[in-house]
Protein backbone atom coordinates (compact mmCIF):
# COMPACT_ATOMS: atom_id res chain seq x y z
CA MET A 1 -42.08 94.89 -84.84
CA LYS A 2 -41.47 97.94 -82.69
CA LYS A 3 -40.64 95.81 -79.71
CA ILE A 4 -37.63 94.36 -81.38
CA PHE A 5 -36.03 97.80 -81.20
CA GLN A 6 -36.88 98.33 -77.45
CA TRP A 7 -33.94 98.40 -75.12
CA THR A 8 -35.10 95.19 -73.32
CA TYR A 9 -34.63 93.32 -76.68
CA ILE A 10 -31.37 95.11 -77.58
CA ALA A 11 -29.59 94.96 -74.19
CA PRO A 12 -29.11 91.15 -74.16
CA ALA A 13 -27.76 91.15 -77.77
CA ILE A 14 -25.27 93.94 -76.85
CA ALA A 15 -24.20 92.14 -73.65
CA TRP A 16 -23.54 88.86 -75.49
CA ILE A 17 -21.60 90.64 -78.28
CA PHE A 18 -19.49 92.43 -75.67
CA TYR A 19 -18.86 89.14 -73.91
CA LEU A 20 -17.85 87.30 -77.09
CA VAL A 21 -15.60 89.97 -78.66
CA ALA A 22 -14.21 91.96 -75.77
CA PRO A 23 -10.56 91.17 -74.81
CA ASP A 24 -9.97 89.37 -71.52
CA ASP A 25 -7.84 92.16 -70.25
CA GLY A 26 -9.54 95.36 -71.37
CA GLY A 27 -8.27 97.53 -68.50
CA PHE A 28 -10.45 99.94 -66.48
CA LEU A 29 -12.52 100.93 -69.57
CA GLY A 30 -13.24 97.32 -70.46
CA SER A 31 -14.22 96.61 -66.93
CA ALA A 32 -16.59 99.65 -66.87
CA LEU A 33 -18.16 98.54 -70.11
CA ALA A 34 -18.56 95.00 -68.78
CA ILE A 35 -20.35 96.33 -65.68
CA ALA A 36 -22.62 98.46 -67.89
CA ALA A 37 -23.41 95.44 -70.11
CA LEU A 38 -24.06 93.29 -66.95
CA ILE A 39 -26.48 95.94 -65.52
CA GLY A 40 -28.34 96.14 -68.82
CA GLY A 41 -28.71 92.35 -68.87
CA VAL A 42 -30.01 92.40 -65.30
CA LEU A 43 -32.62 95.04 -65.90
CA SER A 44 -33.63 93.30 -69.14
CA ALA A 45 -33.97 90.04 -67.23
CA VAL A 46 -36.31 91.63 -64.71
CA HIS A 47 -38.52 93.02 -67.46
CA HIS A 48 -38.86 89.72 -69.33
CA ALA A 49 -39.44 87.82 -65.98
CA GLU A 50 -42.40 90.21 -65.24
CA VAL A 51 -43.79 89.64 -68.74
CA ILE A 52 -43.79 85.89 -68.18
CA ALA A 53 -45.30 86.34 -64.73
CA HIS A 54 -48.15 88.36 -66.17
CA LYS A 55 -48.83 85.54 -68.67
CA VAL A 56 -48.62 82.45 -66.49
CA GLY A 57 -49.69 84.12 -63.20
CA GLU A 58 -48.25 83.71 -59.75
CA PRO A 59 -46.55 81.79 -58.31
CA TYR A 60 -45.28 80.35 -61.67
CA GLY A 61 -43.67 83.60 -62.73
CA THR A 62 -41.43 83.83 -59.65
CA ILE A 63 -40.63 80.11 -59.91
CA ILE A 64 -39.38 80.44 -63.44
CA LEU A 65 -37.12 83.29 -62.54
CA ALA A 66 -35.78 81.59 -59.34
CA ILE A 67 -35.04 78.22 -61.06
CA ALA A 68 -33.52 79.88 -64.08
CA VAL A 69 -31.11 81.94 -61.86
CA THR A 70 -30.33 78.95 -59.65
CA LEU A 71 -29.49 76.64 -62.49
CA LEU A 72 -27.08 79.15 -63.92
CA GLU A 73 -25.71 79.78 -60.41
CA ALA A 74 -25.09 76.04 -59.96
CA SER A 75 -23.34 75.88 -63.27
CA ILE A 76 -20.90 78.60 -62.41
CA ILE A 77 -20.24 77.01 -58.96
CA VAL A 78 -19.43 73.69 -60.56
CA SER A 79 -17.29 75.25 -63.29
CA LEU A 80 -15.20 77.11 -60.69
CA MET A 81 -14.84 74.01 -58.55
CA LEU A 82 -13.62 72.04 -61.51
CA THR A 83 -10.93 74.66 -62.18
CA GLY A 84 -9.38 73.85 -58.82
CA GLY A 85 -7.24 76.19 -56.92
CA LEU A 86 -7.03 77.47 -53.39
CA GLY A 87 -10.46 77.30 -51.58
CA ALA A 88 -12.24 75.32 -54.32
CA ASP A 89 -13.57 72.83 -51.79
CA THR A 90 -15.39 75.58 -49.91
CA TYR A 91 -16.60 77.60 -52.86
CA ALA A 92 -20.05 76.07 -53.00
CA ARG A 93 -20.54 76.58 -49.23
CA ASP A 94 -19.41 80.12 -49.23
CA THR A 95 -21.35 81.23 -52.35
CA LEU A 96 -24.59 79.59 -51.17
CA PHE A 97 -24.25 80.95 -47.59
CA ALA A 98 -23.66 84.49 -49.03
CA ALA A 99 -26.74 84.03 -51.34
CA VAL A 100 -28.95 82.99 -48.40
CA MET A 101 -27.80 85.82 -46.18
CA LEU A 102 -28.39 88.31 -48.98
CA ILE A 103 -31.85 86.95 -49.70
CA LEU A 104 -33.09 86.67 -46.13
CA ASN A 105 -31.72 89.97 -44.88
CA GLY A 106 -31.14 91.99 -48.06
CA ILE A 107 -33.91 91.23 -50.54
CA LEU A 108 -36.63 90.76 -47.86
CA GLY A 109 -35.33 93.80 -45.87
CA ILE A 110 -35.01 96.29 -48.66
CA SER A 111 -38.30 95.23 -50.20
CA MET A 112 -40.01 95.53 -46.73
CA LEU A 113 -38.48 98.99 -46.21
CA VAL A 114 -39.55 100.24 -49.66
CA GLY A 115 -43.07 99.03 -48.91
CA ALA A 116 -43.04 100.58 -45.42
CA ILE A 117 -41.95 103.96 -46.75
CA LYS A 118 -44.72 104.05 -49.36
CA TYR A 119 -47.59 102.14 -47.63
CA LYS A 120 -46.51 101.90 -43.95
CA GLU A 121 -47.76 98.31 -43.90
CA GLN A 122 -48.28 95.58 -46.43
CA GLY A 123 -50.24 92.33 -46.15
CA PHE A 124 -49.26 88.82 -47.15
CA GLU A 125 -50.36 85.20 -46.61
CA THR A 126 -48.59 83.82 -43.42
CA LYS A 127 -49.24 80.16 -44.59
CA SER A 128 -46.99 80.70 -47.57
CA VAL A 129 -44.21 81.92 -45.30
CA THR A 130 -44.59 78.96 -42.93
CA ILE A 131 -44.47 76.45 -45.83
CA ALA A 132 -41.40 78.08 -47.28
CA LEU A 133 -39.51 78.59 -43.98
CA VAL A 134 -40.18 75.02 -42.78
CA SER A 135 -38.60 73.73 -46.01
CA LEU A 136 -35.71 76.27 -45.99
CA VAL A 137 -34.70 75.74 -42.34
CA SER A 138 -34.56 71.92 -42.80
CA ILE A 139 -32.46 72.18 -45.94
CA LEU A 140 -30.14 74.79 -44.35
CA VAL A 141 -29.52 72.77 -41.20
CA LEU A 142 -28.96 69.51 -43.14
CA THR A 143 -26.55 71.05 -45.62
CA LEU A 144 -24.57 73.76 -43.73
CA VAL A 145 -24.84 72.91 -40.02
CA LEU A 146 -25.08 69.14 -39.63
CA PRO A 147 -21.71 68.42 -41.37
CA ASN A 148 -19.97 69.96 -38.39
CA PHE A 149 -21.34 67.26 -36.09
CA THR A 150 -21.07 63.99 -38.05
CA THR A 151 -18.17 61.68 -37.19
CA SER A 152 -17.66 59.54 -40.27
CA ILE A 153 -14.75 61.70 -41.46
CA ALA A 154 -12.82 64.50 -39.87
CA GLY A 155 -13.78 68.13 -40.54
CA PRO A 156 -16.92 69.96 -41.58
CA SER A 157 -17.57 67.47 -44.48
CA TYR A 158 -19.85 64.61 -45.34
CA SER A 159 -18.76 61.07 -46.35
CA ALA A 160 -19.80 59.89 -49.82
CA PRO A 161 -22.92 58.03 -48.59
CA GLN A 162 -23.93 60.95 -46.46
CA LEU A 163 -23.42 63.36 -49.44
CA ILE A 164 -25.72 61.25 -51.55
CA ALA A 165 -28.38 61.11 -48.79
CA ILE A 166 -28.26 64.91 -48.36
CA GLY A 167 -28.58 65.47 -52.05
CA ILE A 168 -31.72 63.26 -52.17
CA CYS A 169 -33.16 65.08 -49.11
CA CYS A 170 -32.71 68.45 -50.84
CA VAL A 171 -34.51 67.16 -54.03
CA VAL A 172 -37.36 65.59 -52.05
CA ILE A 173 -37.94 68.71 -49.85
CA TYR A 174 -37.72 71.12 -52.77
CA GLY A 175 -39.87 68.90 -55.06
CA PHE A 176 -42.60 68.78 -52.47
CA PHE A 177 -42.37 72.54 -51.83
CA LEU A 178 -42.98 73.12 -55.51
CA PHE A 179 -45.85 70.72 -55.45
CA THR A 180 -47.39 72.54 -52.54
CA GLN A 181 -46.72 75.92 -54.04
CA THR A 182 -48.07 75.21 -57.51
CA ILE A 183 -50.84 72.57 -56.92
CA ARG A 184 -51.90 71.66 -53.49
CA HIS A 185 -51.94 75.08 -51.80
CA ARG A 186 -51.32 77.47 -54.72
CA ARG A 187 -53.80 79.95 -53.30
CA TYR A 188 -51.47 80.72 -50.42
CA PHE A 189 -48.83 82.03 -52.87
CA ALA A 190 -51.16 83.86 -55.33
CA THR A 191 -51.20 87.62 -55.57
CA GLY A 192 -54.08 89.88 -56.57
CA PRO A 193 -54.21 92.09 -59.63
CA THR A 194 -52.71 95.63 -59.40
CA GLY A 195 -54.68 97.12 -62.31
CA GLU A 196 -51.37 97.69 -64.22
CA GLU A 197 -51.32 94.34 -65.99
CA LYS A 198 -51.28 94.26 -69.81
CA ALA A 199 -52.42 91.44 -72.06
CA VAL A 200 -49.49 89.32 -72.98
CA SER A 201 -49.74 86.92 -75.97
CA SER A 202 -48.21 83.46 -75.99
CA ALA A 203 -45.68 84.56 -78.61
CA GLU A 204 -44.62 87.51 -76.52
CA ALA A 205 -44.28 85.21 -73.48
CA GLY A 206 -42.24 82.71 -75.42
CA ILE A 207 -39.90 85.40 -76.72
CA SER A 208 -39.45 86.79 -73.24
CA PHE A 209 -38.69 83.40 -71.85
CA GLY A 210 -35.89 82.95 -74.36
CA LEU A 211 -34.54 86.49 -73.71
CA LEU A 212 -34.74 85.85 -70.00
CA LEU A 213 -32.46 82.79 -70.33
CA ALA A 214 -30.16 84.80 -72.59
CA CYS A 215 -30.00 87.61 -70.07
CA LEU A 216 -29.35 85.37 -67.13
CA GLY A 217 -26.70 83.47 -69.06
CA VAL A 218 -24.71 86.55 -70.07
CA VAL A 219 -25.06 87.98 -66.59
CA ILE A 220 -23.53 84.89 -64.95
CA LEU A 221 -20.72 84.75 -67.55
CA LEU A 222 -19.94 88.48 -67.21
CA ALA A 223 -20.01 88.09 -63.42
CA LYS A 224 -17.53 85.21 -63.63
CA ASN A 225 -15.19 87.31 -65.84
CA LEU A 226 -15.51 90.26 -63.52
CA SER A 227 -14.75 88.22 -60.39
CA PRO A 228 -10.93 88.64 -60.73
CA VAL A 229 -11.30 92.29 -61.35
CA ILE A 230 -13.52 92.66 -58.29
CA GLU A 231 -11.07 90.57 -56.31
CA GLY A 232 -8.28 92.82 -57.42
CA TRP A 233 -10.14 96.00 -56.28
CA ILE A 234 -10.97 94.34 -52.95
CA VAL A 235 -7.42 93.25 -52.29
CA ALA A 236 -6.08 96.76 -53.38
CA ALA A 237 -8.45 98.21 -50.78
CA GLY A 238 -7.01 95.88 -48.10
CA LEU A 239 -10.22 94.05 -47.58
CA PRO A 240 -10.71 90.24 -47.07
CA THR A 241 -11.09 88.14 -50.34
CA ALA A 242 -14.22 86.59 -48.71
CA LEU A 243 -16.03 89.72 -49.88
CA VAL A 244 -15.56 88.46 -53.50
CA GLY A 245 -18.19 85.79 -52.90
CA VAL A 246 -20.56 88.34 -51.54
CA ALA A 247 -20.01 90.55 -54.48
CA ILE A 248 -20.53 87.81 -56.98
CA ALA A 249 -23.65 86.51 -55.18
CA SER A 250 -25.06 90.09 -55.17
CA VAL A 251 -24.66 90.24 -58.91
CA ILE A 252 -26.23 86.87 -59.42
CA LEU A 253 -29.22 87.85 -57.29
CA LEU A 254 -29.77 91.26 -58.84
CA PRO A 255 -32.62 90.21 -61.18
CA GLU A 256 -34.60 88.68 -58.33
CA GLY A 257 -33.71 91.52 -55.95
CA ILE A 258 -34.85 94.19 -58.34
CA ALA A 259 -38.04 92.23 -59.18
CA ALA A 260 -38.88 91.85 -55.44
CA ILE A 261 -38.36 95.61 -54.72
CA ARG A 262 -40.53 96.58 -57.63
CA ALA A 263 -43.27 94.20 -56.46
CA ALA A 264 -43.15 95.92 -53.05
CA ARG A 265 -43.42 99.28 -54.64
CA ARG A 266 -46.66 97.98 -56.34
CA ASN A 267 -47.97 96.88 -52.91
CA GLN A 268 -47.42 93.22 -53.66
CA TYR A 269 -45.21 92.05 -50.90
CA GLN A 270 -46.42 88.51 -51.43
CA THR A 271 -44.57 88.48 -54.68
CA SER A 272 -41.52 89.73 -52.93
CA ILE A 273 -41.78 86.86 -50.46
CA ASN A 274 -42.39 84.34 -53.24
CA LEU A 275 -39.24 85.63 -54.96
CA ALA A 276 -37.01 85.81 -51.93
CA LEU A 277 -37.92 82.59 -50.05
CA GLY A 278 -38.38 80.68 -53.32
CA SER A 279 -34.98 81.77 -54.52
CA ALA A 280 -33.31 80.72 -51.24
CA LEU A 281 -34.94 77.34 -51.47
CA ALA A 282 -34.05 76.89 -55.12
CA SER A 283 -30.48 78.07 -54.53
CA ILE A 284 -29.92 75.34 -51.86
CA GLY A 285 -32.34 72.74 -53.06
CA LEU A 286 -31.01 72.57 -56.61
CA SER A 287 -27.36 73.66 -56.24
CA ILE A 288 -26.46 71.15 -53.57
CA PRO A 289 -27.59 68.03 -55.40
CA THR A 290 -25.83 69.34 -58.54
CA VAL A 291 -22.56 69.83 -56.66
CA VAL A 292 -23.01 66.47 -54.89
CA ILE A 293 -23.33 64.66 -58.24
CA VAL A 294 -20.24 66.39 -59.65
CA CYS A 295 -18.14 65.86 -56.57
CA THR A 296 -19.19 62.19 -56.34
CA ILE A 297 -18.40 61.48 -59.98
CA MET A 298 -15.15 63.50 -60.16
CA ASP A 299 -14.08 62.54 -56.60
CA LEU A 300 -13.67 66.19 -55.54
CA PRO A 301 -13.38 67.35 -51.92
CA LEU A 302 -16.37 69.33 -50.63
CA VAL A 303 -16.71 71.28 -47.40
CA LEU A 304 -20.15 72.30 -46.43
CA GLY A 305 -20.17 72.91 -42.70
CA LEU A 306 -20.14 76.59 -41.57
CA ASP A 307 -17.87 77.92 -38.89
CA ALA A 308 -19.36 78.97 -35.51
CA LYS A 309 -19.66 82.62 -36.33
CA SER A 310 -21.52 81.91 -39.52
CA MET A 311 -23.85 79.43 -37.80
CA VAL A 312 -24.71 82.12 -35.29
CA LEU A 313 -25.41 84.76 -38.01
CA LEU A 314 -27.53 82.19 -40.02
CA GLY A 315 -29.49 81.27 -36.91
CA LEU A 316 -30.05 84.95 -36.13
CA SER A 317 -31.21 85.70 -39.70
CA ILE A 318 -33.64 82.78 -39.77
CA PHE A 319 -35.08 83.62 -36.32
CA THR A 320 -35.55 87.28 -37.21
CA VAL A 321 -37.26 86.46 -40.60
CA MET A 322 -39.58 84.05 -38.71
CA LEU A 323 -40.66 86.72 -36.23
CA SER A 324 -40.89 89.40 -38.91
CA LEU A 325 -43.23 87.38 -41.11
CA ASN A 326 -45.44 85.62 -38.60
CA LYS A 327 -48.34 88.18 -38.43
CA GLY A 328 -49.16 88.78 -42.08
CA ARG A 329 -48.22 92.48 -42.02
CA THR A 330 -44.93 94.17 -42.62
CA ASN A 331 -43.35 96.78 -40.46
CA GLY A 332 -40.62 99.29 -41.02
CA LEU A 333 -38.86 98.24 -37.79
CA TYR A 334 -38.67 94.63 -39.07
CA ALA A 335 -37.02 95.94 -42.24
CA VAL A 336 -34.35 97.87 -40.33
CA VAL A 337 -33.54 94.86 -38.12
CA LEU A 338 -33.07 92.67 -41.21
CA LEU A 339 -30.79 95.23 -42.84
CA VAL A 340 -28.77 95.58 -39.64
CA ASN A 341 -28.25 91.79 -39.68
CA LEU A 342 -27.00 92.11 -43.26
CA MET A 343 -24.71 94.91 -42.27
CA MET A 344 -23.20 92.91 -39.42
CA TYR A 345 -22.68 89.90 -41.69
CA ILE A 346 -20.63 91.98 -44.01
CA PHE A 347 -18.91 93.80 -41.10
CA THR A 348 -17.81 90.55 -39.55
CA ILE A 349 -16.37 89.42 -42.89
CA ILE A 350 -14.19 92.54 -42.89
CA PHE A 351 -13.43 92.51 -39.16
CA ALA A 352 -13.60 88.84 -38.26
């Protein structure tokens, strides 16, 4: 009964009430309260995700969080594409590219740096990294690079048959990745006990699962409502509107990012890797098929191919992550290089 009055139970309710009753134009105070409600929802989501992880064990806990976030991410991408407007045909590409860059360089880099400061080095299973990166590189090239080199139609886009084929490829690769992660080679992704685990009942895990979905839902909806406000601030500062996608992707990825950093602080970098690479795979492997289905049914235009600068940055990020995670031990230098990659990604958005 006491848990009902804990902040992790109250925060989602407050956030939903605020979303439902707050006026659309609440001014600076309304925006500040929306941000506070959003942060409360994010922190609550991380707590409930960790409760579930303790109950079901790894890697299932990180998979639940990654898929839940990705499904909600896909829903907001589709909803914004359906509203139309300038740049709607590139929204999926820009959002997913921003998410991948933030995950590979930001979440992995910050987690690695936190672990390096506290423990100098942290160990992890290299086979899990290889399995995830093989799957991720294939999906990224097929979805974000190959469209620039096909000739069926002009521009960085796929024809309708090609789109359907790519959607199927994403589902097949991600499906077999999940099979490998949870059944065939689950031991590669498992993490050892920290000594801090508390017994979690089935009822508590069920309640946390429901509250996790509630938290993620309100976070996505608040982020969508805040996007015009953030865009206004960015434009007022004289910065490119492309930063809006980065800002929204950052908000969407906050639950996984905080969970990954907290895992690194507990000397469980394997969990950080599971969260980061699993999230990147789910983000592309589930969002692209969803967008493909909607665009095919609704006959909407869809641009997936990245420009040359973005392909270089993506290739650099993937290559750096591969080298950083090929020995089974983290290093503070690797973390700094990943964060420099992230800084240059954002810098080249501002100064293209």
